[in-house]
Amino acid sequence: MTIAHLGELLASCPDDERWLMISEFLEEHRHEPRKRRVELLQKEPPPTGDDTWDALLAALAEHLAAKDGRRGPRWCEDRGLDRFWFPFNTPLARAEAIVHAPAAFRRRGVMVARNELEVA
């Protein structure tokens, strides 16, 4: 699955299924060869209709590219939020995100702890 396809799925699925789609993307991405992983991030996803999820997609693309020692795609540079967004909005999740959000997410105002991005 490409990140562009993930964006299409996020635009069309209910909120309670979006993290499932992200986990499936992360699982598939993890098993691809390094060269293919870079290709999966290049095409810009269409807008989801929600700036928070658009910023999350950009953060995810930059974060995954950085894990492979690469710069994020150019399309993700302009996506970000003016206010912090905590997708997991409990006191513990907020504290974890403040301390452990990866740089790509923090820079865009998407406060997600690194462990929320790990697939078992």
PDB file of N, CA and C in Angstrom:
ATOM      1  N   MET A   1       0.853  -1.173   0.000  1.00  0.00           N
ATOM      2  CA  MET A   1       0.000   0.000   0.000  1.00  0.00           C
ATOM      3  C   MET A   1       0.900   1.238   0.000  1.00  0.00           C
ATOM      4  N   THR A   2       0.586   2.196  -0.827  1.00  0.00           N
ATOM      5  CA  THR A   2       1.316   3.463  -0.839  1.00  0.00           C
ATOM      6  C   THR A   2       0.688   4.412   0.178  1.00  0.00           C
ATOM      7  N   ILE A   3       1.418   5.447   0.534  1.00  0.00           N
ATOM      8  CA  ILE A   3       0.855   6.431   1.452  1.00  0.00           C
ATOM      9  C   ILE A   3      -0.280   7.202   0.777  1.00  0.00           C
ATOM     10  N   ALA A   4      -0.229   7.344  -0.544  1.00  0.00           N
ATOM     11  CA  ALA A   4      -1.332   7.985  -1.273  1.00  0.00           C
ATOM     12  C   ALA A   4      -2.603   7.148  -1.146  1.00  0.00           C
ATOM     13  N   HIS A   5      -2.456   5.836  -1.261  1.00  0.00           N
ATOM     14  CA  HIS A   5      -3.619   4.956  -1.101  1.00  0.00           C
ATOM     15  C   HIS A   5      -4.130   5.005   0.338  1.00  0.00           C
ATOM     16  N   LEU A   6      -3.214   5.050   1.294  1.00  0.00           N
ATOM     17  CA  LEU A   6      -3.622   5.187   2.691  1.00  0.00           C
ATOM     18  C   LEU A   6      -4.444   6.459   2.874  1.00  0.00           C
ATOM     19  N   GLY A   7      -4.019   7.558   2.275  1.00  0.00           N
ATOM     20  CA  GLY A   7      -4.767   8.810   2.365  1.00  0.00           C
ATOM     21  C   GLY A   7      -6.172   8.668   1.806  1.00  0.00           C
ATOM     22  N   GLU A   8      -6.303   7.960   0.694  1.00  0.00           N
ATOM     23  CA  GLU A   8      -7.629   7.710   0.115  1.00  0.00           C
ATOM     24  C   GLU A   8      -8.501   6.916   1.078  1.00  0.00           C
ATOM     25  N   LEU A   9      -7.900   5.905   1.713  1.00  0.00           N
ATOM     26  CA  LEU A   9      -8.652   5.086   2.666  1.00  0.00           C
ATOM     27  C   LEU A   9      -9.086   5.917   3.880  1.00  0.00           C
ATOM     28  N   LEU A  10      -8.195   6.755   4.377  1.00  0.00           N
ATOM     29  CA  LEU A  10      -8.529   7.575   5.540  1.00  0.00           C
ATOM     30  C   LEU A  10      -9.656   8.551   5.227  1.00  0.00           C
ATOM     31  N   ALA A  11      -9.696   9.026   3.990  1.00  0.00           N
ATOM     32  CA  ALA A  11     -10.746   9.975   3.598  1.00  0.00           C
ATOM     33  C   ALA A  11     -12.113   9.314   3.535  1.00  0.00           C
ATOM     34  N   SER A  12     -12.112   8.000   3.323  1.00  0.00           N
ATOM     35  CA  SER A  12     -13.396   7.330   3.101  1.00  0.00           C
ATOM     36  C   SER A  12     -13.837   6.409   4.242  1.00  0.00           C
ATOM     37  N   CYS A  13     -13.039   6.276   5.276  1.00  0.00           N
ATOM     38  CA  CYS A  13     -13.431   5.358   6.346  1.00  0.00           C
ATOM     39  C   CYS A  13     -13.824   6.126   7.608  1.00  0.00           C
ATOM     40  N   PRO A  14     -14.625   5.500   8.450  1.00  0.00           N
ATOM     41  CA  PRO A  14     -15.029   6.149   9.707  1.00  0.00           C
ATOM     42  C   PRO A  14     -13.831   6.374  10.632  1.00  0.00           C
ATOM     43  N   ASP A  15     -13.938   7.366  11.506  1.00  0.00           N
ATOM     44  CA  ASP A  15     -12.842   7.693  12.430  1.00  0.00           C
ATOM     45  C   ASP A  15     -12.348   6.491  13.215  1.00  0.00           C
ATOM     46  N   ASP A  16     -13.251   5.640  13.663  1.00  0.00           N
ATOM     47  CA  ASP A  16     -12.842   4.519  14.505  1.00  0.00           C
ATOM     48  C   ASP A  16     -12.068   3.445  13.741  1.00  0.00           C
ATOM     49  N   GLU A  17     -11.981   3.541  12.420  1.00  0.00           N
ATOM     50  CA  GLU A  17     -11.215   2.570  11.625  1.00  0.00           C
ATOM     51  C   GLU A  17      -9.895   3.143  11.105  1.00  0.00           C
ATOM     52  N   ARG A  18      -9.674   4.430  11.304  1.00  0.00           N
ATOM     53  CA  ARG A  18      -8.481   5.057  10.720  1.00  0.00           C
ATOM     54  C   ARG A  18      -7.183   4.497  11.285  1.00  0.00           C
ATOM     55  N   TRP A  19      -7.118   4.269  12.591  1.00  0.00           N
ATOM     56  CA  TRP A  19      -5.871   3.732  13.150  1.00  0.00           C
ATOM     57  C   TRP A  19      -5.621   2.299  12.695  1.00  0.00           C
ATOM     58  N   LEU A  20      -6.667   1.567  12.422  1.00  0.00           N
ATOM     59  CA  LEU A  20      -6.508   0.222  11.867  1.00  0.00           C
ATOM     60  C   LEU A  20      -5.856   0.312  10.490  1.00  0.00           C
ATOM     61  N   MET A  21      -6.287   1.249   9.673  1.00  0.00           N
ATOM     62  CA  MET A  21      -5.690   1.442   8.344  1.00  0.00           C
ATOM     63  C   MET A  21      -4.210   1.829   8.470  1.00  0.00           C
ATOM     64  N   ILE A  22      -3.907   2.697   9.423  1.00  0.00           N
ATOM     65  CA  ILE A  22      -2.514   3.112   9.627  1.00  0.00           C
ATOM     66  C   ILE A  22      -1.676   1.931  10.076  1.00  0.00           C
ATOM     67  N   SER A  23      -2.207   1.115  10.983  1.00  0.00           N
ATOM     68  CA  SER A  23      -1.445  -0.068  11.415  1.00  0.00           C
ATOM     69  C   SER A  23      -1.197  -1.027  10.270  1.00  0.00           C
ATOM     70  N   GLU A  24      -2.191  -1.229   9.416  1.00  0.00           N
ATOM     71  CA  GLU A  24      -2.002  -2.115   8.264  1.00  0.00           C
ATOM     72  C   GLU A  24      -0.930  -1.556   7.333  1.00  0.00           C
ATOM     73  N   PHE A  25      -0.963  -0.246   7.108  1.00  0.00           N
ATOM     74  CA  PHE A  25       0.059   0.384   6.268  1.00  0.00           C
ATOM     75  C   PHE A  25       1.448   0.167   6.876  1.00  0.00           C
ATOM     76  N   LEU A  26       1.583   0.425   8.180  1.00  0.00           N
ATOM     77  CA  LEU A  26       2.881   0.271   8.842  1.00  0.00           C
ATOM     78  C   LEU A  26       3.381  -1.166   8.769  1.00  0.00           C
ATOM     79  N   GLU A  27       2.496  -2.115   8.939  1.00  0.00           N
ATOM     80  CA  GLU A  27       2.885  -3.529   8.866  1.00  0.00           C
ATOM     81  C   GLU A  27       3.371  -3.883   7.463  1.00  0.00           C
ATOM     82  N   GLU A  28       2.632  -3.475   6.459  1.00  0.00           N
ATOM     83  CA  GLU A  28       3.048  -3.755   5.082  1.00  0.00           C
ATOM     84  C   GLU A  28       4.360  -3.043   4.753  1.00  0.00           C
ATOM     85  N   HIS A  29       4.470  -1.800   5.138  1.00  0.00           N
ATOM     86  CA  HIS A  29       5.665  -1.000   4.864  1.00  0.00           C
ATOM     87  C   HIS A  29       6.902  -1.651   5.475  1.00  0.00           C
ATOM     88  N   ARG A  30       6.761  -2.153   6.663  1.00  0.00           N
ATOM     89  CA  ARG A  30       7.891  -2.747   7.385  1.00  0.00           C
ATOM     90  C   ARG A  30       8.474  -3.949   6.648  1.00  0.00           C
ATOM     91  N   HIS A  31       7.651  -4.672   5.923  1.00  0.00           N
ATOM     92  CA  HIS A  31       8.109  -5.899   5.253  1.00  0.00           C
ATOM     93  C   HIS A  31       8.613  -5.678   3.828  1.00  0.00           C
ATOM     94  N   GLU A  32       8.535  -4.466   3.337  1.00  0.00           N
ATOM     95  CA  GLU A  32       9.011  -4.167   1.986  1.00  0.00           C
ATOM     96  C   GLU A  32      10.529  -3.951   1.996  1.00  0.00           C
ATOM     97  N   PRO A  33      11.193  -4.243   0.881  1.00  0.00           N
ATOM     98  CA  PRO A  33      12.621  -3.912   0.779  1.00  0.00           C
ATOM     99  C   PRO A  33      12.811  -2.397   0.867  1.00  0.00           C
ATOM    100  N   ARG A  34      13.969  -1.980   1.339  1.00  0.00           N
ATOM    101  CA  ARG A  34      14.245  -0.557   1.583  1.00  0.00           C
ATOM    102  C   ARG A  34      13.948   0.308   0.353  1.00  0.00           C
ATOM    103  N   LYS A  35      14.395  -0.110  -0.822  1.00  0.00           N
ATOM    104  CA  LYS A  35      14.182   0.676  -2.036  1.00  0.00           C
ATOM    105  C   LYS A  35      12.684   0.851  -2.302  1.00  0.00           C
ATOM    106  N   ARG A  36      11.929  -0.172  -2.113  1.00  0.00           N
ATOM    107  CA  ARG A  36      10.478  -0.106  -2.349  1.00  0.00           C
ATOM    108  C   ARG A  36       9.804   0.790  -1.304  1.00  0.00           C
ATOM    109  N   ARG A  37      10.282   0.752  -0.054  1.00  0.00           N
ATOM    110  CA  ARG A  37       9.689   1.591   0.992  1.00  0.00           C
ATOM    111  C   ARG A  37       9.755   3.065   0.618  1.00  0.00           C
ATOM    112  N   VAL A  38      10.856   3.489   0.041  1.00  0.00           N
ATOM    113  CA  VAL A  38      11.010   4.880  -0.381  1.00  0.00           C
ATOM    114  C   VAL A  38       9.963   5.214  -1.442  1.00  0.00           C
ATOM    115  N   GLU A  39       9.764   4.326  -2.390  1.00  0.00           N
ATOM    116  CA  GLU A  39       8.787   4.544  -3.467  1.00  0.00           C
ATOM    117  C   GLU A  39       7.366   4.656  -2.920  1.00  0.00           C
ATOM    118  N   LEU A  40       7.063   3.928  -1.863  1.00  0.00           N
ATOM    119  CA  LEU A  40       5.707   3.927  -1.299  1.00  0.00           C
ATOM    120  C   LEU A  40       5.315   5.277  -0.696  1.00  0.00           C
ATOM    121  N   LEU A  41       6.308   6.123  -0.449  1.00  0.00           N
ATOM    122  CA  LEU A  41       6.056   7.405   0.216  1.00  0.00           C
ATOM    123  C   LEU A  41       6.045   8.591  -0.749  1.00  0.00           C
ATOM    124  N   GLN A  42       6.414   8.394  -1.996  1.00  0.00           N
ATOM    125  CA  GLN A  42       6.650   9.517  -2.906  1.00  0.00           C
ATOM    126  C   GLN A  42       5.400  10.231  -3.395  1.00  0.00           C
ATOM    127  N   LYS A  43       4.356   9.513  -3.737  1.00  0.00           N
ATOM    128  CA  LYS A  43       3.169  10.161  -4.303  1.00  0.00           C
ATOM    129  C   LYS A  43       2.340  10.805  -3.197  1.00  0.00           C
ATOM    130  N   GLU A  44       2.000  12.068  -3.403  1.00  0.00           N
ATOM    131  CA  GLU A  44       1.246  12.816  -2.393  1.00  0.00           C
ATOM    132  C   GLU A  44      -0.174  12.284  -2.249  1.00  0.00           C
ATOM    133  N   PRO A  45      -0.581  12.024  -1.007  1.00  0.00           N
ATOM    134  CA  PRO A  45      -1.968  11.597  -0.804  1.00  0.00           C
ATOM    135  C   PRO A  45      -2.928  12.747  -1.049  1.00  0.00           C
ATOM    136  N   PRO A  46      -4.121  12.446  -1.536  1.00  0.00           N
ATOM    137  CA  PRO A  46      -5.121  13.506  -1.695  1.00  0.00           C
ATOM    138  C   PRO A  46      -5.557  13.977  -0.314  1.00  0.00           C
ATOM    139  N   PRO A  47      -6.099  15.177  -0.216  1.00  0.00           N
ATOM    140  CA  PRO A  47      -6.591  15.642   1.093  1.00  0.00           C
ATOM    141  C   PRO A  47      -7.653  14.690   1.637  1.00  0.00           C
ATOM    142  N   THR A  48      -7.590  14.463   2.938  1.00  0.00           N
ATOM    143  CA  THR A  48      -8.563  13.564   3.579  1.00  0.00           C
ATOM    144  C   THR A  48      -9.844  14.306   3.941  1.00  0.00           C
ATOM    145  N   GLY A  49      -9.790  15.635   3.900  1.00  0.00           N
ATOM    146  CA  GLY A  49     -10.925  16.426   4.348  1.00  0.00           C
ATOM    147  C   GLY A  49     -10.770  16.868   5.797  1.00  0.00           C
ATOM    148  N   ASP A  50      -9.647  16.490   6.405  1.00  0.00           N
ATOM    149  CA  ASP A  50      -9.379  16.822   7.804  1.00  0.00           C
ATOM    150  C   ASP A  50      -7.891  17.149   7.936  1.00  0.00           C
ATOM    151  N   ASP A  51      -7.587  18.400   8.284  1.00  0.00           N
ATOM    152  CA  ASP A  51      -6.187  18.837   8.371  1.00  0.00           C
ATOM    153  C   ASP A  51      -5.357  18.010   9.345  1.00  0.00           C
ATOM    154  N   THR A  52      -5.978  17.490  10.389  1.00  0.00           N
ATOM    155  CA  THR A  52      -5.212  16.710  11.368  1.00  0.00           C
ATOM    156  C   THR A  52      -4.678  15.429  10.736  1.00  0.00           C
ATOM    157  N   TRP A  53      -5.520  14.753   9.965  1.00  0.00           N
ATOM    158  CA  TRP A  53      -5.076  13.506   9.328  1.00  0.00           C
ATOM    159  C   TRP A  53      -4.116  13.791   8.180  1.00  0.00           C
ATOM    160  N   ASP A  54      -4.278  14.923   7.501  1.00  0.00           N
ATOM    161  CA  ASP A  54      -3.328  15.296   6.450  1.00  0.00           C
ATOM    162  C   ASP A  54      -1.948  15.547   7.050  1.00  0.00           C
ATOM    163  N   ALA A  55      -1.900  16.220   8.193  1.00  0.00           N
ATOM    164  CA  ALA A  55      -0.626  16.460   8.876  1.00  0.00           C
ATOM    165  C   ALA A  55      -0.026  15.146   9.367  1.00  0.00           C
ATOM    166  N   LEU A  56      -0.865  14.250   9.852  1.00  0.00           N
ATOM    167  CA  LEU A  56      -0.371  12.952  10.313  1.00  0.00           C
ATOM    168  C   LEU A  56       0.257  12.176   9.158  1.00  0.00           C
ATOM    169  N   LEU A  57      -0.354  12.197   7.982  1.00  0.00           N
ATOM    170  CA  LEU A  57       0.224  11.499   6.831  1.00  0.00           C
ATOM    171  C   LEU A  57       1.593  12.066   6.467  1.00  0.00           C
ATOM    172  N   ALA A  58       1.725  13.388   6.512  1.00  0.00           N
ATOM    173  CA  ALA A  58       3.016  14.009   6.216  1.00  0.00           C
ATOM    174  C   ALA A  58       4.060  13.613   7.257  1.00  0.00           C
ATOM    175  N   ALA A  59       3.671  13.642   8.514  1.00  0.00           N
ATOM    176  CA  ALA A  59       4.593  13.248   9.587  1.00  0.00           C
ATOM    177  C   ALA A  59       5.001  11.790   9.432  1.00  0.00           C
ATOM    178  N   LEU A  60       4.054  10.951   9.107  1.00  0.00           N
ATOM    179  CA  LEU A  60       4.327   9.526   8.926  1.00  0.00           C
ATOM    180  C   LEU A  60       5.303   9.309   7.774  1.00  0.00           C
ATOM    181  N   ALA A  61       5.099   9.998   6.655  1.00  0.00           N
ATOM    182  CA  ALA A  61       5.997   9.853   5.504  1.00  0.00           C
ATOM    183  C   ALA A  61       7.421  10.295   5.865  1.00  0.00           C
ATOM    184  N   GLU A  62       7.541  11.444   6.533  1.00  0.00           N
ATOM    185  CA  GLU A  62       8.869  11.925   6.915  1.00  0.00           C
ATOM    186  C   GLU A  62       9.525  10.989   7.923  1.00  0.00           C
ATOM    187  N   HIS A  63       8.763  10.530   8.893  1.00  0.00           N
ATOM    188  CA  HIS A  63       9.281   9.637   9.927  1.00  0.00           C
ATOM    189  C   HIS A  63       9.799   8.327   9.320  1.00  0.00           C
ATOM    190  N   LEU A  64       9.014   7.729   8.437  1.00  0.00           N
ATOM    191  CA  LEU A  64       9.420   6.461   7.826  1.00  0.00           C
ATOM    192  C   LEU A  64      10.613   6.645   6.900  1.00  0.00           C
ATOM    193  N   ALA A  65      10.658   7.742   6.177  1.00  0.00           N
ATOM    194  CA  ALA A  65      11.816   8.020   5.321  1.00  0.00           C
ATOM    195  C   ALA A  65      13.073   8.177   6.174  1.00  0.00           C
ATOM    196  N   ALA A  66      12.950   8.885   7.287  1.00  0.00           N
ATOM    197  CA  ALA A  66      14.100   9.100   8.172  1.00  0.00           C
ATOM    198  C   ALA A  66      14.606   7.779   8.753  1.00  0.00           C
ATOM    199  N   LYS A  67      13.711   6.867   9.048  1.00  0.00           N
ATOM    200  CA  LYS A  67      14.136   5.562   9.562  1.00  0.00           C
ATOM    201  C   LYS A  67      14.993   4.818   8.548  1.00  0.00           C
ATOM    202  N   ASP A  68      14.798   5.130   7.261  1.00  0.00           N
ATOM    203  CA  ASP A  68      15.617   4.529   6.200  1.00  0.00           C
ATOM    204  C   ASP A  68      16.775   5.434   5.795  1.00  0.00           C
ATOM    205  N   GLY A  69      17.044   6.466   6.607  1.00  0.00           N
ATOM    206  CA  GLY A  69      18.173   7.351   6.339  1.00  0.00           C
ATOM    207  C   GLY A  69      17.931   8.308   5.180  1.00  0.00           C
ATOM    208  N   ARG A  70      16.684   8.607   4.898  1.00  0.00           N
ATOM    209  CA  ARG A  70      16.333   9.485   3.783  1.00  0.00           C
ATOM    210  C   ARG A  70      15.542  10.688   4.266  1.00  0.00           C
ATOM    211  N   ARG A  71      15.489  11.674   3.420  1.00  0.00           N
ATOM    212  CA  ARG A  71      14.667  12.855   3.672  1.00  0.00           C
ATOM    213  C   ARG A  71      13.232  12.537   3.261  1.00  0.00           C
ATOM    214  N   GLY A  72      12.279  13.143   3.952  1.00  0.00           N
ATOM    215  CA  GLY A  72      10.878  12.940   3.597  1.00  0.00           C
ATOM    216  C   GLY A  72      10.570  13.531   2.232  1.00  0.00           C
ATOM    217  N   PRO A  73       9.510  13.066   1.594  1.00  0.00           N
ATOM    218  CA  PRO A  73       9.126  13.601   0.287  1.00  0.00           C
ATOM    219  C   PRO A  73       8.789  15.097   0.376  1.00  0.00           C
ATOM    220  N   ARG A  74       8.989  15.808  -0.713  1.00  0.00           N
ATOM    221  CA  ARG A  74       8.734  17.254  -0.739  1.00  0.00           C
ATOM    222  C   ARG A  74       7.287  17.598  -0.403  1.00  0.00           C
ATOM    223  N   TRP A  75       6.349  16.753  -0.791  1.00  0.00           N
ATOM    224  CA  TRP A  75       4.934  17.082  -0.588  1.00  0.00           C
ATOM    225  C   TRP A  75       4.590  17.239   0.889  1.00  0.00           C
ATOM    226  N   CYS A  76       5.350  16.617   1.763  1.00  0.00           N
ATOM    227  CA  CYS A  76       4.984  16.672   3.176  1.00  0.00           C
ATOM    228  C   CYS A  76       5.482  17.925   3.887  1.00  0.00           C
ATOM    229  N   GLU A  77       6.299  18.724   3.222  1.00  0.00           N
ATOM    230  CA  GLU A  77       6.876  19.901   3.869  1.00  0.00           C
ATOM    231  C   GLU A  77       5.844  20.953   4.277  1.00  0.00           C
ATOM    232  N   ASP A  78       4.768  21.082   3.533  1.00  0.00           N
ATOM    233  CA  ASP A  78       3.805  22.153   3.798  1.00  0.00           C
ATOM    234  C   ASP A  78       2.623  21.724   4.661  1.00  0.00           C
ATOM    235  N   ARG A  79       2.611  20.501   5.107  1.00  0.00           N
ATOM    236  CA  ARG A  79       1.477  20.027   5.909  1.00  0.00           C
ATOM    237  C   ARG A  79       1.824  20.094   7.390  1.00  0.00           C
ATOM    238  N   GLY A  80       1.011  20.811   8.136  1.00  0.00           N
ATOM    239  CA  GLY A  80       1.207  20.923   9.576  1.00  0.00           C
ATOM    240  C   GLY A  80       0.007  21.592  10.204  1.00  0.00           C
ATOM    241  N   LEU A  81       0.011  21.624  11.512  1.00  0.00           N
ATOM    242  CA  LEU A  81      -1.110  22.181  12.268  1.00  0.00           C
ATOM    243  C   LEU A  81      -0.656  23.416  13.043  1.00  0.00           C
ATOM    244  N   ASP A  82      -1.583  24.323  13.279  1.00  0.00           N
ATOM    245  CA  ASP A  82      -1.290  25.522  14.074  1.00  0.00           C
ATOM    246  C   ASP A  82      -1.362  25.235  15.573  1.00  0.00           C
ATOM    247  N   ARG A  83      -2.103  24.193  15.935  1.00  0.00           N
ATOM    248  CA  ARG A  83      -2.260  23.800  17.348  1.00  0.00           C
ATOM    249  C   ARG A  83      -1.933  22.326  17.471  1.00  0.00           C
ATOM    250  N   PHE A  84      -1.419  21.939  18.627  1.00  0.00           N
ATOM    251  CA  PHE A  84      -1.138  20.524  18.850  1.00  0.00           C
ATOM    252  C   PHE A  84      -2.417  19.699  18.778  1.00  0.00           C
ATOM    253  N   TRP A  85      -2.288  18.518  18.206  1.00  0.00           N
ATOM    254  CA  TRP A  85      -3.388  17.559  18.146  1.00  0.00           C
ATOM    255  C   TRP A  85      -2.924  16.278  18.824  1.00  0.00           C
ATOM    256  N   PHE A  86      -3.702  15.811  19.775  1.00  0.00           N
ATOM    257  CA  PHE A  86      -3.432  14.572  20.495  1.00  0.00           C
ATOM    258  C   PHE A  86      -4.479  13.546  20.065  1.00  0.00           C
ATOM    259  N   PRO A  87      -4.179  12.687  19.093  1.00  0.00           N
ATOM    260  CA  PRO A  87      -5.162  11.699  18.651  1.00  0.00           C
ATOM    261  C   PRO A  87      -5.612  10.766  19.772  1.00  0.00           C
ATOM    262  N   PHE A  88      -4.697  10.473  20.689  1.00  0.00           N
ATOM    263  CA  PHE A  88      -5.025   9.647  21.852  1.00  0.00           C
ATOM    264  C   PHE A  88      -5.079  10.607  23.031  1.00  0.00           C
ATOM    265  N   ASN A  89      -6.269  11.068  23.349  1.00  0.00           N
ATOM    266  CA  ASN A  89      -6.432  12.203  24.239  1.00  0.00           C
ATOM    267  C   ASN A  89      -6.851  11.790  25.654  1.00  0.00           C
ATOM    268  N   THR A  90      -5.993  11.023  26.297  1.00  0.00           N
ATOM    269  CA  THR A  90      -6.160  10.737  27.722  1.00  0.00           C
ATOM    270  C   THR A  90      -4.969  11.374  28.427  1.00  0.00           C
ATOM    271  N   PRO A  91      -5.050  11.614  29.736  1.00  0.00           N
ATOM    272  CA  PRO A  91      -3.909  12.232  30.423  1.00  0.00           C
ATOM    273  C   PRO A  91      -2.598  11.453  30.233  1.00  0.00           C
ATOM    274  N   LEU A  92      -2.647  10.135  30.337  1.00  0.00           N
ATOM    275  CA  LEU A  92      -1.428   9.339  30.168  1.00  0.00           C
ATOM    276  C   LEU A  92      -0.917   9.400  28.733  1.00  0.00           C
ATOM    277  N   ALA A  93      -1.810   9.270  27.766  1.00  0.00           N
ATOM    278  CA  ALA A  93      -1.400   9.318  26.354  1.00  0.00           C
ATOM    279  C   ALA A  93      -0.820  10.687  26.006  1.00  0.00           C
ATOM    280  N   ARG A  94      -1.406  11.745  26.555  1.00  0.00           N
ATOM    281  CA  ARG A  94      -0.890  13.095  26.297  1.00  0.00           C
ATOM    282  C   ARG A  94       0.527  13.237  26.863  1.00  0.00           C
ATOM    283  N   ALA A  95       0.742  12.764  28.076  1.00  0.00           N
ATOM    284  CA  ALA A  95       2.074  12.851  28.684  1.00  0.00           C
ATOM    285  C   ALA A  95       3.086  12.046  27.879  1.00  0.00           C
ATOM    286  N   GLU A  96       2.707  10.838  27.481  1.00  0.00           N
ATOM    287  CA  GLU A  96       3.595   9.997  26.665  1.00  0.00           C
ATOM    288  C   GLU A  96       3.948  10.701  25.357  1.00  0.00           C
ATOM    289  N   ALA A  97       2.943  11.298  24.713  1.00  0.00           N
ATOM    290  CA  ALA A  97       3.172  11.964  23.432  1.00  0.00           C
ATOM    291  C   ALA A  97       4.081  13.180  23.589  1.00  0.00           C
ATOM    292  N   ILE A  98       3.903  13.942  24.646  1.00  0.00           N
ATOM    293  CA  ILE A  98       4.746  15.117  24.866  1.00  0.00           C
ATOM    294  C   ILE A  98       6.207  14.701  25.007  1.00  0.00           C
ATOM    295  N   VAL A  99       6.440  13.614  25.696  1.00  0.00           N
ATOM    296  CA  VAL A  99       7.806  13.155  25.932  1.00  0.00           C
ATOM    297  C   VAL A  99       8.373  12.367  24.750  1.00  0.00           C
ATOM    298  N   HIS A 100       7.543  11.561  24.093  1.00  0.00           N
ATOM    299  CA  HIS A 100       8.059  10.579  23.137  1.00  0.00           C
ATOM    300  C   HIS A 100       7.602  10.746  21.688  1.00  0.00           C
ATOM    301  N   ALA A 101       7.033  11.882  21.320  1.00  0.00           N
ATOM    302  CA  ALA A 101       6.636  12.065  19.912  1.00  0.00           C
ATOM    303  C   ALA A 101       7.886  12.186  19.042  1.00  0.00           C
ATOM    304  N   PRO A 102       7.952  11.422  17.946  1.00  0.00           N
ATOM    305  CA  PRO A 102       9.087  11.576  17.025  1.00  0.00           C
ATOM    306  C   PRO A 102       9.122  12.992  16.438  1.00  0.00           C
ATOM    307  N   ALA A 103      10.295  13.432  16.053  1.00  0.00           N
ATOM    308  CA  ALA A 103      10.491  14.807  15.576  1.00  0.00           C
ATOM    309  C   ALA A 103       9.563  15.177  14.425  1.00  0.00           C
ATOM    310  N   ALA A 104       9.371  14.280  13.478  1.00  0.00           N
ATOM    311  CA  ALA A 104       8.519  14.585  12.318  1.00  0.00           C
ATOM    312  C   ALA A 104       7.085  14.881  12.745  1.00  0.00           C
ATOM    313  N   PHE A 105       6.630  14.213  13.780  1.00  0.00           N
ATOM    314  CA  PHE A 105       5.269  14.419  14.286  1.00  0.00           C
ATOM    315  C   PHE A 105       5.197  15.705  15.110  1.00  0.00           C
ATOM    316  N   ARG A 106       6.167  15.875  15.982  1.00  0.00           N
ATOM    317  CA  ARG A 106       6.211  17.063  16.842  1.00  0.00           C
ATOM    318  C   ARG A 106       6.258  18.335  15.990  1.00  0.00           C
ATOM    319  N   ARG A 107       7.076  18.318  14.931  1.00  0.00           N
ATOM    320  CA  ARG A 107       7.229  19.489  14.063  1.00  0.00           C
ATOM    321  C   ARG A 107       5.903  19.896  13.413  1.00  0.00           C
ATOM    322  N   ARG A 108       5.033  18.938  13.190  1.00  0.00           N
ATOM    323  CA  ARG A 108       3.749  19.218  12.546  1.00  0.00           C
ATOM    324  C   ARG A 108       2.602  19.380  13.530  1.00  0.00           C
ATOM    325  N   GLY A 109       2.890  19.262  14.823  1.00  0.00           N
ATOM    326  CA  GLY A 109       1.853  19.434  15.835  1.00  0.00           C
ATOM    327  C   GLY A 109       1.021  18.194  16.081  1.00  0.00           C
ATOM    328  N   VAL A 110       1.455  17.069  15.559  1.00  0.00           N
ATOM    329  CA  VAL A 110       0.745  15.800  15.761  1.00  0.00           C
ATOM    330  C   VAL A 110       1.445  15.076  16.905  1.00  0.00           C
ATOM    331  N   MET A 111       0.799  15.055  18.042  1.00  0.00           N
ATOM    332  CA  MET A 111       1.438  14.516  19.242  1.00  0.00           C
ATOM    333  C   MET A 111       1.036  13.058  19.450  1.00  0.00           C
ATOM    334  N   VAL A 112       1.904  12.193  18.947  1.00  0.00           N
ATOM    335  CA  VAL A 112       1.712  10.754  19.028  1.00  0.00           C
ATOM    336  C   VAL A 112       3.004  10.158  19.559  1.00  0.00           C
ATOM    337  N   ALA A 113       2.918   9.361  20.604  1.00  0.00           N
ATOM    338  CA  ALA A 113       4.107   8.706  21.158  1.00  0.00           C
ATOM    339  C   ALA A 113       4.631   7.671  20.166  1.00  0.00           C
ATOM    340  N   ARG A 114       5.926   7.505  20.148  1.00  0.00           N
ATOM    341  CA  ARG A 114       6.580   6.558  19.247  1.00  0.00           C
ATOM    342  C   ARG A 114       5.969   5.155  19.357  1.00  0.00           C
ATOM    343  N   ASN A 115       5.641   4.724  20.573  1.00  0.00           N
ATOM    344  CA  ASN A 115       5.105   3.362  20.743  1.00  0.00           C
ATOM    345  C   ASN A 115       3.740   3.187  20.077  1.00  0.00           C
ATOM    346  N   GLU A 116       3.008   4.274  19.828  1.00  0.00           N
ATOM    347  CA  GLU A 116       1.715   4.169  19.125  1.00  0.00           C
ATOM    348  C   GLU A 116       1.922   3.855  17.646  1.00  0.00           C
ATOM    349  N   LEU A 117       3.141   4.028  17.155  1.00  0.00           N
ATOM    350  CA  LEU A 117       3.450   3.785  15.754  1.00  0.00           C
ATOM    351  C   LEU A 117       4.089   2.420  15.517  1.00  0.00           C
ATOM    352  N   GLU A 118       4.281   1.673  16.583  1.00  0.00           N
ATOM    353  CA  GLU A 118       4.909   0.362  16.454  1.00  0.00           C
ATOM    354  C   GLU A 118       3.836  -0.690  16.226  1.00  0.00           C
ATOM    355  N   VAL A 119       4.126  -1.581  15.303  1.00  0.00           N
ATOM    356  CA  VAL A 119       3.220  -2.670  14.986  1.00  0.00           C
ATOM    357  C   VAL A 119       3.818  -3.935  15.585  1.00  0.00           C
ATOM    358  N   ALA A 120       2.999  -4.672  16.309  1.00  0.00           N
ATOM    359  CA  ALA A 120       3.496  -5.896  16.971  1.00  0.00           C
ATOM    360  C   ALA A 120       3.971  -6.912  15.979  1.00  0.00           C
TER     361      ALA A 120
END
